[in-house]
PDBML (XML) file of the C-alpha atoms, coordinates in Angstrom:
<?xml version="1.0" encoding="UTF-8" ?>
<PDBx:datablock datablockName="MODEL"
   xmlns:PDBx="http://pdbml.pdb.org/schema/pdbx-v50.xsd"
   xmlns:xsi="http://www.w3.org/2001/XMLSchema-instance"
   xsi:schemaLocation="http://pdbml.pdb.org/schema/pdbx-v50.xsd pdbx-v50.xsd">
   <PDBx:atom_siteCategory>
      <PDBx:atom_site id="1">
         <PDBx:B_iso_or_equiv>0.00</PDBx:B_iso_or_equiv>
         <PDBx:Cartn_x>-136.119</PDBx:Cartn_x>
         <PDBx:Cartn_y>-54.063</PDBx:Cartn_y>
         <PDBx:Cartn_z>98.661</PDBx:Cartn_z>
         <PDBx:auth_asym_id>A</PDBx:auth_asym_id>
         <PDBx:auth_atom_id>CA</PDBx:auth_atom_id>
         <PDBx:auth_comp_id>ASP</PDBx:auth_comp_id>
         <PDBx:auth_seq_id>1</PDBx:auth_seq_id>
         <PDBx:group_PDB>ATOM</PDBx:group_PDB>
         <PDBx:label_alt_id xsi:nil="true" />
         <PDBx:label_asym_id>A</PDBx:label_asym_id>
         <PDBx:label_atom_id>CA</PDBx:label_atom_id>
         <PDBx:label_comp_id>ASP</PDBx:label_comp_id>
         <PDBx:label_entity_id>1</PDBx:label_entity_id>
         <PDBx:label_seq_id>1</PDBx:label_seq_id>
         <PDBx:occupancy>1.00</PDBx:occupancy>
         <PDBx:pdbx_PDB_model_num>1</PDBx:pdbx_PDB_model_num>
         <PDBx:type_symbol>C</PDBx:type_symbol>
      </PDBx:atom_site>
      <PDBx:atom_site id="2">
         <PDBx:B_iso_or_equiv>0.00</PDBx:B_iso_or_equiv>
         <PDBx:Cartn_x>-137.091</PDBx:Cartn_x>
         <PDBx:Cartn_y>-57.445</PDBx:Cartn_y>
         <PDBx:Cartn_z>100.153</PDBx:Cartn_z>
         <PDBx:auth_asym_id>A</PDBx:auth_asym_id>
         <PDBx:auth_atom_id>CA</PDBx:auth_atom_id>
         <PDBx:auth_comp_id>ILE</PDBx:auth_comp_id>
         <PDBx:auth_seq_id>2</PDBx:auth_seq_id>
         <PDBx:group_PDB>ATOM</PDBx:group_PDB>
         <PDBx:label_alt_id xsi:nil="true" />
         <PDBx:label_asym_id>A</PDBx:label_asym_id>
         <PDBx:label_atom_id>CA</PDBx:label_atom_id>
         <PDBx:label_comp_id>ILE</PDBx:label_comp_id>
         <PDBx:label_entity_id>1</PDBx:label_entity_id>
         <PDBx:label_seq_id>2</PDBx:label_seq_id>
         <PDBx:occupancy>1.00</PDBx:occupancy>
         <PDBx:pdbx_PDB_model_num>1</PDBx:pdbx_PDB_model_num>
         <PDBx:type_symbol>C</PDBx:type_symbol>
      </PDBx:atom_site>
      <PDBx:atom_site id="3">
         <PDBx:B_iso_or_equiv>0.00</PDBx:B_iso_or_equiv>
         <PDBx:Cartn_x>-135.004</PDBx:Cartn_x>
         <PDBx:Cartn_y>-59.440</PDBx:Cartn_y>
         <PDBx:Cartn_z>102.639</PDBx:Cartn_z>
         <PDBx:auth_asym_id>A</PDBx:auth_asym_id>
         <PDBx:auth_atom_id>CA</PDBx:auth_atom_id>
         <PDBx:auth_comp_id>THR</PDBx:auth_comp_id>
         <PDBx:auth_seq_id>3</PDBx:auth_seq_id>
         <PDBx:group_PDB>ATOM</PDBx:group_PDB>
         <PDBx:label_alt_id xsi:nil="true" />
         <PDBx:label_asym_id>A</PDBx:label_asym_id>
         <PDBx:label_atom_id>CA</PDBx:label_atom_id>
         <PDBx:label_comp_id>THR</PDBx:label_comp_id>
         <PDBx:label_entity_id>1</PDBx:label_entity_id>
         <PDBx:label_seq_id>3</PDBx:label_seq_id>
         <PDBx:occupancy>1.00</PDBx:occupancy>
         <PDBx:pdbx_PDB_model_num>1</PDBx:pdbx_PDB_model_num>
         <PDBx:type_symbol>C</PDBx:type_symbol>
      </PDBx:atom_site>
      <PDBx:atom_site id="4">
         <PDBx:B_iso_or_equiv>0.00</PDBx:B_iso_or_equiv>
         <PDBx:Cartn_x>-136.010</PDBx:Cartn_x>
         <PDBx:Cartn_y>-63.045</PDBx:Cartn_y>
         <PDBx:Cartn_z>103.313</PDBx:Cartn_z>
         <PDBx:auth_asym_id>A</PDBx:auth_asym_id>
         <PDBx:auth_atom_id>CA</PDBx:auth_atom_id>
         <PDBx:auth_comp_id>VAL</PDBx:auth_comp_id>
         <PDBx:auth_seq_id>4</PDBx:auth_seq_id>
         <PDBx:group_PDB>ATOM</PDBx:group_PDB>
         <PDBx:label_alt_id xsi:nil="true" />
         <PDBx:label_asym_id>A</PDBx:label_asym_id>
         <PDBx:label_atom_id>CA</PDBx:label_atom_id>
         <PDBx:label_comp_id>VAL</PDBx:label_comp_id>
         <PDBx:label_entity_id>1</PDBx:label_entity_id>
         <PDBx:label_seq_id>4</PDBx:label_seq_id>
         <PDBx:occupancy>1.00</PDBx:occupancy>
         <PDBx:pdbx_PDB_model_num>1</PDBx:pdbx_PDB_model_num>
         <PDBx:type_symbol>C</PDBx:type_symbol>
      </PDBx:atom_site>
      <PDBx:atom_site id="5">
         <PDBx:B_iso_or_equiv>0.00</PDBx:B_iso_or_equiv>
         <PDBx:Cartn_x>-134.955</PDBx:Cartn_x>
         <PDBx:Cartn_y>-64.315</PDBx:Cartn_y>
         <PDBx:Cartn_z>106.730</PDBx:Cartn_z>
         <PDBx:auth_asym_id>A</PDBx:auth_asym_id>
         <PDBx:auth_atom_id>CA</PDBx:auth_atom_id>
         <PDBx:auth_comp_id>LEU</PDBx:auth_comp_id>
         <PDBx:auth_seq_id>5</PDBx:auth_seq_id>
         <PDBx:group_PDB>ATOM</PDBx:group_PDB>
         <PDBx:label_alt_id xsi:nil="true" />
         <PDBx:label_asym_id>A</PDBx:label_asym_id>
         <PDBx:label_atom_id>CA</PDBx:label_atom_id>
         <PDBx:label_comp_id>LEU</PDBx:label_comp_id>
         <PDBx:label_entity_id>1</PDBx:label_entity_id>
         <PDBx:label_seq_id>5</PDBx:label_seq_id>
         <PDBx:occupancy>1.00</PDBx:occupancy>
         <PDBx:pdbx_PDB_model_num>1</PDBx:pdbx_PDB_model_num>
         <PDBx:type_symbol>C</PDBx:type_symbol>
      </PDBx:atom_site>
      <PDBx:atom_site id="6">
         <PDBx:B_iso_or_equiv>0.00</PDBx:B_iso_or_equiv>
         <PDBx:Cartn_x>-134.890</PDBx:Cartn_x>
         <PDBx:Cartn_y>-68.130</PDBx:Cartn_y>
         <PDBx:Cartn_z>106.579</PDBx:Cartn_z>
         <PDBx:auth_asym_id>A</PDBx:auth_asym_id>
         <PDBx:auth_atom_id>CA</PDBx:auth_atom_id>
         <PDBx:auth_comp_id>ASP</PDBx:auth_comp_id>
         <PDBx:auth_seq_id>6</PDBx:auth_seq_id>
         <PDBx:group_PDB>ATOM</PDBx:group_PDB>
         <PDBx:label_alt_id xsi:nil="true" />
         <PDBx:label_asym_id>A</PDBx:label_asym_id>
         <PDBx:label_atom_id>CA</PDBx:label_atom_id>
         <PDBx:label_comp_id>ASP</PDBx:label_comp_id>
         <PDBx:label_entity_id>1</PDBx:label_entity_id>
         <PDBx:label_seq_id>6</PDBx:label_seq_id>
         <PDBx:occupancy>1.00</PDBx:occupancy>
         <PDBx:pdbx_PDB_model_num>1</PDBx:pdbx_PDB_model_num>
         <PDBx:type_symbol>C</PDBx:type_symbol>
      </PDBx:atom_site>
      <PDBx:atom_site id="7">
         <PDBx:B_iso_or_equiv>0.00</PDBx:B_iso_or_equiv>
         <PDBx:Cartn_x>-135.441</PDBx:Cartn_x>
         <PDBx:Cartn_y>-69.164</PDBx:Cartn_y>
         <PDBx:Cartn_z>110.215</PDBx:Cartn_z>
         <PDBx:auth_asym_id>A</PDBx:auth_asym_id>
         <PDBx:auth_atom_id>CA</PDBx:auth_atom_id>
         <PDBx:auth_comp_id>ILE</PDBx:auth_comp_id>
         <PDBx:auth_seq_id>7</PDBx:auth_seq_id>
         <PDBx:group_PDB>ATOM</PDBx:group_PDB>
         <PDBx:label_alt_id xsi:nil="true" />
         <PDBx:label_asym_id>A</PDBx:label_asym_id>
         <PDBx:label_atom_id>CA</PDBx:label_atom_id>
         <PDBx:label_comp_id>ILE</PDBx:label_comp_id>
         <PDBx:label_entity_id>1</PDBx:label_entity_id>
         <PDBx:label_seq_id>7</PDBx:label_seq_id>
         <PDBx:occupancy>1.00</PDBx:occupancy>
         <PDBx:pdbx_PDB_model_num>1</PDBx:pdbx_PDB_model_num>
         <PDBx:type_symbol>C</PDBx:type_symbol>
      </PDBx:atom_site>
      <PDBx:atom_site id="8">
         <PDBx:B_iso_or_equiv>0.00</PDBx:B_iso_or_equiv>
         <PDBx:Cartn_x>-136.516</PDBx:Cartn_x>
         <PDBx:Cartn_y>-72.768</PDBx:Cartn_y>
         <PDBx:Cartn_z>110.984</PDBx:Cartn_z>
         <PDBx:auth_asym_id>A</PDBx:auth_asym_id>
         <PDBx:auth_atom_id>CA</PDBx:auth_atom_id>
         <PDBx:auth_comp_id>PRO</PDBx:auth_comp_id>
         <PDBx:auth_seq_id>8</PDBx:auth_seq_id>
         <PDBx:group_PDB>ATOM</PDBx:group_PDB>
         <PDBx:label_alt_id xsi:nil="true" />
         <PDBx:label_asym_id>A</PDBx:label_asym_id>
         <PDBx:label_atom_id>CA</PDBx:label_atom_id>
         <PDBx:label_comp_id>PRO</PDBx:label_comp_id>
         <PDBx:label_entity_id>1</PDBx:label_entity_id>
         <PDBx:label_seq_id>8</PDBx:label_seq_id>
         <PDBx:occupancy>1.00</PDBx:occupancy>
         <PDBx:pdbx_PDB_model_num>1</PDBx:pdbx_PDB_model_num>
         <PDBx:type_symbol>C</PDBx:type_symbol>
      </PDBx:atom_site>
      <PDBx:atom_site id="9">
         <PDBx:B_iso_or_equiv>0.00</PDBx:B_iso_or_equiv>
         <PDBx:Cartn_x>-137.892</PDBx:Cartn_x>
         <PDBx:Cartn_y>-71.843</PDBx:Cartn_y>
         <PDBx:Cartn_z>114.451</PDBx:Cartn_z>
         <PDBx:auth_asym_id>A</PDBx:auth_asym_id>
         <PDBx:auth_atom_id>CA</PDBx:auth_atom_id>
         <PDBx:auth_comp_id>LEU</PDBx:auth_comp_id>
         <PDBx:auth_seq_id>9</PDBx:auth_seq_id>
         <PDBx:group_PDB>ATOM</PDBx:group_PDB>
         <PDBx:label_alt_id xsi:nil="true" />
         <PDBx:label_asym_id>A</PDBx:label_asym_id>
         <PDBx:label_atom_id>CA</PDBx:label_atom_id>
         <PDBx:label_comp_id>LEU</PDBx:label_comp_id>
         <PDBx:label_entity_id>1</PDBx:label_entity_id>
         <PDBx:label_seq_id>9</PDBx:label_seq_id>
         <PDBx:occupancy>1.00</PDBx:occupancy>
         <PDBx:pdbx_PDB_model_num>1</PDBx:pdbx_PDB_model_num>
         <PDBx:type_symbol>C</PDBx:type_symbol>
      </PDBx:atom_site>
      <PDBx:atom_site id="10">
         <PDBx:B_iso_or_equiv>0.00</PDBx:B_iso_or_equiv>
         <PDBx:Cartn_x>-139.463</PDBx:Cartn_x>
         <PDBx:Cartn_y>-68.551</PDBx:Cartn_y>
         <PDBx:Cartn_z>113.299</PDBx:Cartn_z>
         <PDBx:auth_asym_id>A</PDBx:auth_asym_id>
         <PDBx:auth_atom_id>CA</PDBx:auth_atom_id>
         <PDBx:auth_comp_id>LEU</PDBx:auth_comp_id>
         <PDBx:auth_seq_id>10</PDBx:auth_seq_id>
         <PDBx:group_PDB>ATOM</PDBx:group_PDB>
         <PDBx:label_alt_id xsi:nil="true" />
         <PDBx:label_asym_id>A</PDBx:label_asym_id>
         <PDBx:label_atom_id>CA</PDBx:label_atom_id>
         <PDBx:label_comp_id>LEU</PDBx:label_comp_id>
         <PDBx:label_entity_id>1</PDBx:label_entity_id>
         <PDBx:label_seq_id>10</PDBx:label_seq_id>
         <PDBx:occupancy>1.00</PDBx:occupancy>
         <PDBx:pdbx_PDB_model_num>1</PDBx:pdbx_PDB_model_num>
         <PDBx:type_symbol>C</PDBx:type_symbol>
      </PDBx:atom_site>
      <PDBx:atom_site id="11">
         <PDBx:B_iso_or_equiv>0.00</PDBx:B_iso_or_equiv>
         <PDBx:Cartn_x>-142.672</PDBx:Cartn_x>
         <PDBx:Cartn_y>-68.897</PDBx:Cartn_y>
         <PDBx:Cartn_z>115.328</PDBx:Cartn_z>
         <PDBx:auth_asym_id>A</PDBx:auth_asym_id>
         <PDBx:auth_atom_id>CA</PDBx:auth_atom_id>
         <PDBx:auth_comp_id>PHE</PDBx:auth_comp_id>
         <PDBx:auth_seq_id>11</PDBx:auth_seq_id>
         <PDBx:group_PDB>ATOM</PDBx:group_PDB>
         <PDBx:label_alt_id xsi:nil="true" />
         <PDBx:label_asym_id>A</PDBx:label_asym_id>
         <PDBx:label_atom_id>CA</PDBx:label_atom_id>
         <PDBx:label_comp_id>PHE</PDBx:label_comp_id>
         <PDBx:label_entity_id>1</PDBx:label_entity_id>
         <PDBx:label_seq_id>11</PDBx:label_seq_id>
         <PDBx:occupancy>1.00</PDBx:occupancy>
         <PDBx:pdbx_PDB_model_num>1</PDBx:pdbx_PDB_model_num>
         <PDBx:type_symbol>C</PDBx:type_symbol>
      </PDBx:atom_site>
      <PDBx:atom_site id="12">
         <PDBx:B_iso_or_equiv>0.00</PDBx:B_iso_or_equiv>
         <PDBx:Cartn_x>-141.224</PDBx:Cartn_x>
         <PDBx:Cartn_y>-71.011</PDBx:Cartn_y>
         <PDBx:Cartn_z>118.154</PDBx:Cartn_z>
         <PDBx:auth_asym_id>A</PDBx:auth_asym_id>
         <PDBx:auth_atom_id>CA</PDBx:auth_atom_id>
         <PDBx:auth_comp_id>GLU</PDBx:auth_comp_id>
         <PDBx:auth_seq_id>12</PDBx:auth_seq_id>
         <PDBx:group_PDB>ATOM</PDBx:group_PDB>
         <PDBx:label_alt_id xsi:nil="true" />
         <PDBx:label_asym_id>A</PDBx:label_asym_id>
         <PDBx:label_atom_id>CA</PDBx:label_atom_id>
         <PDBx:label_comp_id>GLU</PDBx:label_comp_id>
         <PDBx:label_entity_id>1</PDBx:label_entity_id>
         <PDBx:label_seq_id>12</PDBx:label_seq_id>
         <PDBx:occupancy>1.00</PDBx:occupancy>
         <PDBx:pdbx_PDB_model_num>1</PDBx:pdbx_PDB_model_num>
         <PDBx:type_symbol>C</PDBx:type_symbol>
      </PDBx:atom_site>
      <PDBx:atom_site id="13">
         <PDBx:B_iso_or_equiv>0.00</PDBx:B_iso_or_equiv>
         <PDBx:Cartn_x>-138.564</PDBx:Cartn_x>
         <PDBx:Cartn_y>-68.362</PDBx:Cartn_y>
         <PDBx:Cartn_z>118.820</PDBx:Cartn_z>
         <PDBx:auth_asym_id>A</PDBx:auth_asym_id>
         <PDBx:auth_atom_id>CA</PDBx:auth_atom_id>
         <PDBx:auth_comp_id>GLY</PDBx:auth_comp_id>
         <PDBx:auth_seq_id>13</PDBx:auth_seq_id>
         <PDBx:group_PDB>ATOM</PDBx:group_PDB>
         <PDBx:label_alt_id xsi:nil="true" />
         <PDBx:label_asym_id>A</PDBx:label_asym_id>
         <PDBx:label_atom_id>CA</PDBx:label_atom_id>
         <PDBx:label_comp_id>GLY</PDBx:label_comp_id>
         <PDBx:label_entity_id>1</PDBx:label_entity_id>
         <PDBx:label_seq_id>13</PDBx:label_seq_id>
         <PDBx:occupancy>1.00</PDBx:occupancy>
         <PDBx:pdbx_PDB_model_num>1</PDBx:pdbx_PDB_model_num>
         <PDBx:type_symbol>C</PDBx:type_symbol>
      </PDBx:atom_site>
      <PDBx:atom_site id="14">
         <PDBx:B_iso_or_equiv>0.00</PDBx:B_iso_or_equiv>
         <PDBx:Cartn_x>-140.953</PDBx:Cartn_x>
         <PDBx:Cartn_y>-65.412</PDBx:Cartn_y>
         <PDBx:Cartn_z>118.481</PDBx:Cartn_z>
         <PDBx:auth_asym_id>A</PDBx:auth_asym_id>
         <PDBx:auth_atom_id>CA</PDBx:auth_atom_id>
         <PDBx:auth_comp_id>GLY</PDBx:auth_comp_id>
         <PDBx:auth_seq_id>14</PDBx:auth_seq_id>
         <PDBx:group_PDB>ATOM</PDBx:group_PDB>
         <PDBx:label_alt_id xsi:nil="true" />
         <PDBx:label_asym_id>A</PDBx:label_asym_id>
         <PDBx:label_atom_id>CA</PDBx:label_atom_id>
         <PDBx:label_comp_id>GLY</PDBx:label_comp_id>
         <PDBx:label_entity_id>1</PDBx:label_entity_id>
         <PDBx:label_seq_id>14</PDBx:label_seq_id>
         <PDBx:occupancy>1.00</PDBx:occupancy>
         <PDBx:pdbx_PDB_model_num>1</PDBx:pdbx_PDB_model_num>
         <PDBx:type_symbol>C</PDBx:type_symbol>
      </PDBx:atom_site>
      <PDBx:atom_site id="15">
         <PDBx:B_iso_or_equiv>0.00</PDBx:B_iso_or_equiv>
         <PDBx:Cartn_x>-138.981</PDBx:Cartn_x>
         <PDBx:Cartn_y>-64.014</PDBx:Cartn_y>
         <PDBx:Cartn_z>115.510</PDBx:Cartn_z>
         <PDBx:auth_asym_id>A</PDBx:auth_asym_id>
         <PDBx:auth_atom_id>CA</PDBx:auth_atom_id>
         <PDBx:auth_comp_id>PHE</PDBx:auth_comp_id>
         <PDBx:auth_seq_id>15</PDBx:auth_seq_id>
         <PDBx:group_PDB>ATOM</PDBx:group_PDB>
         <PDBx:label_alt_id xsi:nil="true" />
         <PDBx:label_asym_id>A</PDBx:label_asym_id>
         <PDBx:label_atom_id>CA</PDBx:label_atom_id>
         <PDBx:label_comp_id>PHE</PDBx:label_comp_id>
         <PDBx:label_entity_id>1</PDBx:label_entity_id>
         <PDBx:label_seq_id>15</PDBx:label_seq_id>
         <PDBx:occupancy>1.00</PDBx:occupancy>
         <PDBx:pdbx_PDB_model_num>1</PDBx:pdbx_PDB_model_num>
         <PDBx:type_symbol>C</PDBx:type_symbol>
      </PDBx:atom_site>
      <PDBx:atom_site id="16">
         <PDBx:B_iso_or_equiv>0.00</PDBx:B_iso_or_equiv>
         <PDBx:Cartn_x>-142.219</PDBx:Cartn_x>
         <PDBx:Cartn_y>-63.436</PDBx:Cartn_y>
         <PDBx:Cartn_z>113.581</PDBx:Cartn_z>
         <PDBx:auth_asym_id>A</PDBx:auth_asym_id>
         <PDBx:auth_atom_id>CA</PDBx:auth_atom_id>
         <PDBx:auth_comp_id>ASP</PDBx:auth_comp_id>
         <PDBx:auth_seq_id>16</PDBx:auth_seq_id>
         <PDBx:group_PDB>ATOM</PDBx:group_PDB>
         <PDBx:label_alt_id xsi:nil="true" />
         <PDBx:label_asym_id>A</PDBx:label_asym_id>
         <PDBx:label_atom_id>CA</PDBx:label_atom_id>
         <PDBx:label_comp_id>ASP</PDBx:label_comp_id>
         <PDBx:label_entity_id>1</PDBx:label_entity_id>
         <PDBx:label_seq_id>16</PDBx:label_seq_id>
         <PDBx:occupancy>1.00</PDBx:occupancy>
         <PDBx:pdbx_PDB_model_num>1</PDBx:pdbx_PDB_model_num>
         <PDBx:type_symbol>C</PDBx:type_symbol>
      </PDBx:atom_site>
      <PDBx:atom_site id="17">
         <PDBx:B_iso_or_equiv>0.00</PDBx:B_iso_or_equiv>
         <PDBx:Cartn_x>-142.717</PDBx:Cartn_x>
         <PDBx:Cartn_y>-60.320</PDBx:Cartn_y>
         <PDBx:Cartn_z>115.757</PDBx:Cartn_z>
         <PDBx:auth_asym_id>A</PDBx:auth_asym_id>
         <PDBx:auth_atom_id>CA</PDBx:auth_atom_id>
         <PDBx:auth_comp_id>ALA</PDBx:auth_comp_id>
         <PDBx:auth_seq_id>17</PDBx:auth_seq_id>
         <PDBx:group_PDB>ATOM</PDBx:group_PDB>
         <PDBx:label_alt_id xsi:nil="true" />
         <PDBx:label_asym_id>A</PDBx:label_asym_id>
         <PDBx:label_atom_id>CA</PDBx:label_atom_id>
         <PDBx:label_comp_id>ALA</PDBx:label_comp_id>
         <PDBx:label_entity_id>1</PDBx:label_entity_id>
         <PDBx:label_seq_id>17</PDBx:label_seq_id>
         <PDBx:occupancy>1.00</PDBx:occupancy>
         <PDBx:pdbx_PDB_model_num>1</PDBx:pdbx_PDB_model_num>
         <PDBx:type_symbol>C</PDBx:type_symbol>
      </PDBx:atom_site>
      <PDBx:atom_site id="18">
         <PDBx:B_iso_or_equiv>0.00</PDBx:B_iso_or_equiv>
         <PDBx:Cartn_x>-139.813</PDBx:Cartn_x>
         <PDBx:Cartn_y>-58.561</PDBx:Cartn_y>
         <PDBx:Cartn_z>113.983</PDBx:Cartn_z>
         <PDBx:auth_asym_id>A</PDBx:auth_asym_id>
         <PDBx:auth_atom_id>CA</PDBx:auth_atom_id>
         <PDBx:auth_comp_id>MET</PDBx:auth_comp_id>
         <PDBx:auth_seq_id>18</PDBx:auth_seq_id>
         <PDBx:group_PDB>ATOM</PDBx:group_PDB>
         <PDBx:label_alt_id xsi:nil="true" />
         <PDBx:label_asym_id>A</PDBx:label_asym_id>
         <PDBx:label_atom_id>CA</PDBx:label_atom_id>
         <PDBx:label_comp_id>MET</PDBx:label_comp_id>
         <PDBx:label_entity_id>1</PDBx:label_entity_id>
         <PDBx:label_seq_id>18</PDBx:label_seq_id>
         <PDBx:occupancy>1.00</PDBx:occupancy>
         <PDBx:pdbx_PDB_model_num>1</PDBx:pdbx_PDB_model_num>
         <PDBx:type_symbol>C</PDBx:type_symbol>
      </PDBx:atom_site>
      <PDBx:atom_site id="19">
         <PDBx:B_iso_or_equiv>0.00</PDBx:B_iso_or_equiv>
         <PDBx:Cartn_x>-141.077</PDBx:Cartn_x>
         <PDBx:Cartn_y>-59.387</PDBx:Cartn_y>
         <PDBx:Cartn_z>110.468</PDBx:Cartn_z>
         <PDBx:auth_asym_id>A</PDBx:auth_asym_id>
         <PDBx:auth_atom_id>CA</PDBx:auth_atom_id>
         <PDBx:auth_comp_id>MET</PDBx:auth_comp_id>
         <PDBx:auth_seq_id>19</PDBx:auth_seq_id>
         <PDBx:group_PDB>ATOM</PDBx:group_PDB>
         <PDBx:label_alt_id xsi:nil="true" />
         <PDBx:label_asym_id>A</PDBx:label_asym_id>
         <PDBx:label_atom_id>CA</PDBx:label_atom_id>
         <PDBx:label_comp_id>MET</PDBx:label_comp_id>
         <PDBx:label_entity_id>1</PDBx:label_entity_id>
         <PDBx:label_seq_id>19</PDBx:label_seq_id>
         <PDBx:occupancy>1.00</PDBx:occupancy>
         <PDBx:pdbx_PDB_model_num>1</PDBx:pdbx_PDB_model_num>
         <PDBx:type_symbol>C</PDBx:type_symbol>
      </PDBx:atom_site>
      <PDBx:atom_site id="20">
         <PDBx:B_iso_or_equiv>0.00</PDBx:B_iso_or_equiv>
         <PDBx:Cartn_x>-143.263</PDBx:Cartn_x>
         <PDBx:Cartn_y>-57.349</PDBx:Cartn_y>
         <PDBx:Cartn_z>108.115</PDBx:Cartn_z>
         <PDBx:auth_asym_id>A</PDBx:auth_asym_id>
         <PDBx:auth_atom_id>CA</PDBx:auth_atom_id>
         <PDBx:auth_comp_id>ASP</PDBx:auth_comp_id>
         <PDBx:auth_seq_id>20</PDBx:auth_seq_id>
         <PDBx:group_PDB>ATOM</PDBx:group_PDB>
         <PDBx:label_alt_id xsi:nil="true" />
         <PDBx:label_asym_id>A</PDBx:label_asym_id>
         <PDBx:label_atom_id>CA</PDBx:label_atom_id>
         <PDBx:label_comp_id>ASP</PDBx:label_comp_id>
         <PDBx:label_entity_id>1</PDBx:label_entity_id>
         <PDBx:label_seq_id>20</PDBx:label_seq_id>
         <PDBx:occupancy>1.00</PDBx:occupancy>
         <PDBx:pdbx_PDB_model_num>1</PDBx:pdbx_PDB_model_num>
         <PDBx:type_symbol>C</PDBx:type_symbol>
      </PDBx:atom_site>
      <PDBx:atom_site id="21">
         <PDBx:B_iso_or_equiv>0.00</PDBx:B_iso_or_equiv>
         <PDBx:Cartn_x>-144.837</PDBx:Cartn_x>
         <PDBx:Cartn_y>-60.619</PDBx:Cartn_y>
         <PDBx:Cartn_z>106.920</PDBx:Cartn_z>
         <PDBx:auth_asym_id>A</PDBx:auth_asym_id>
         <PDBx:auth_atom_id>CA</PDBx:auth_atom_id>
         <PDBx:auth_comp_id>ALA</PDBx:auth_comp_id>
         <PDBx:auth_seq_id>21</PDBx:auth_seq_id>
         <PDBx:group_PDB>ATOM</PDBx:group_PDB>
         <PDBx:label_alt_id xsi:nil="true" />
         <PDBx:label_asym_id>A</PDBx:label_asym_id>
         <PDBx:label_atom_id>CA</PDBx:label_atom_id>
         <PDBx:label_comp_id>ALA</PDBx:label_comp_id>
         <PDBx:label_entity_id>1</PDBx:label_entity_id>
         <PDBx:label_seq_id>21</PDBx:label_seq_id>
         <PDBx:occupancy>1.00</PDBx:occupancy>
         <PDBx:pdbx_PDB_model_num>1</PDBx:pdbx_PDB_model_num>
         <PDBx:type_symbol>C</PDBx:type_symbol>
      </PDBx:atom_site>
      <PDBx:atom_site id="22">
         <PDBx:B_iso_or_equiv>0.00</PDBx:B_iso_or_equiv>
         <PDBx:Cartn_x>-144.228</PDBx:Cartn_x>
         <PDBx:Cartn_y>-64.379</PDBx:Cartn_y>
         <PDBx:Cartn_z>107.107</PDBx:Cartn_z>
         <PDBx:auth_asym_id>A</PDBx:auth_asym_id>
         <PDBx:auth_atom_id>CA</PDBx:auth_atom_id>
         <PDBx:auth_comp_id>THR</PDBx:auth_comp_id>
         <PDBx:auth_seq_id>22</PDBx:auth_seq_id>
         <PDBx:group_PDB>ATOM</PDBx:group_PDB>
         <PDBx:label_alt_id xsi:nil="true" />
         <PDBx:label_asym_id>A</PDBx:label_asym_id>
         <PDBx:label_atom_id>CA</PDBx:label_atom_id>
         <PDBx:label_comp_id>THR</PDBx:label_comp_id>
         <PDBx:label_entity_id>1</PDBx:label_entity_id>
         <PDBx:label_seq_id>22</PDBx:label_seq_id>
         <PDBx:occupancy>1.00</PDBx:occupancy>
         <PDBx:pdbx_PDB_model_num>1</PDBx:pdbx_PDB_model_num>
         <PDBx:type_symbol>C</PDBx:type_symbol>
      </PDBx:atom_site>
      <PDBx:atom_site id="23">
         <PDBx:B_iso_or_equiv>0.00</PDBx:B_iso_or_equiv>
         <PDBx:Cartn_x>-144.249</PDBx:Cartn_x>
         <PDBx:Cartn_y>-67.355</PDBx:Cartn_y>
         <PDBx:Cartn_z>104.739</PDBx:Cartn_z>
         <PDBx:auth_asym_id>A</PDBx:auth_asym_id>
         <PDBx:auth_atom_id>CA</PDBx:auth_atom_id>
         <PDBx:auth_comp_id>VAL</PDBx:auth_comp_id>
         <PDBx:auth_seq_id>23</PDBx:auth_seq_id>
         <PDBx:group_PDB>ATOM</PDBx:group_PDB>
         <PDBx:label_alt_id xsi:nil="true" />
         <PDBx:label_asym_id>A</PDBx:label_asym_id>
         <PDBx:label_atom_id>CA</PDBx:label_atom_id>
         <PDBx:label_comp_id>VAL</PDBx:label_comp_id>
         <PDBx:label_entity_id>1</PDBx:label_entity_id>
         <PDBx:label_seq_id>23</PDBx:label_seq_id>
         <PDBx:occupancy>1.00</PDBx:occupancy>
         <PDBx:pdbx_PDB_model_num>1</PDBx:pdbx_PDB_model_num>
         <PDBx:type_symbol>C</PDBx:type_symbol>
      </PDBx:atom_site>
      <PDBx:atom_site id="24">
         <PDBx:B_iso_or_equiv>0.00</PDBx:B_iso_or_equiv>
         <PDBx:Cartn_x>-144.712</PDBx:Cartn_x>
         <PDBx:Cartn_y>-70.990</PDBx:Cartn_y>
         <PDBx:Cartn_z>105.702</PDBx:Cartn_z>
         <PDBx:auth_asym_id>A</PDBx:auth_asym_id>
         <PDBx:auth_atom_id>CA</PDBx:auth_atom_id>
         <PDBx:auth_comp_id>CYS</PDBx:auth_comp_id>
         <PDBx:auth_seq_id>24</PDBx:auth_seq_id>
         <PDBx:group_PDB>ATOM</PDBx:group_PDB>
         <PDBx:label_alt_id xsi:nil="true" />
         <PDBx:label_asym_id>A</PDBx:label_asym_id>
         <PDBx:label_atom_id>CA</PDBx:label_atom_id>
         <PDBx:label_comp_id>CYS</PDBx:label_comp_id>
         <PDBx:label_entity_id>1</PDBx:label_entity_id>
         <PDBx:label_seq_id>24</PDBx:label_seq_id>
         <PDBx:occupancy>1.00</PDBx:occupancy>
         <PDBx:pdbx_PDB_model_num>1</PDBx:pdbx_PDB_model_num>
         <PDBx:type_symbol>C</PDBx:type_symbol>
      </PDBx:atom_site>
   </PDBx:atom_siteCategory>
</PDBx:datablock>
């Protein structure tokens, strides 16, 4: 039901746009 995508450059690469939510 929940998939965690562990991405070091999440914000730098703009990957946050494809997420439902983010954790720092």
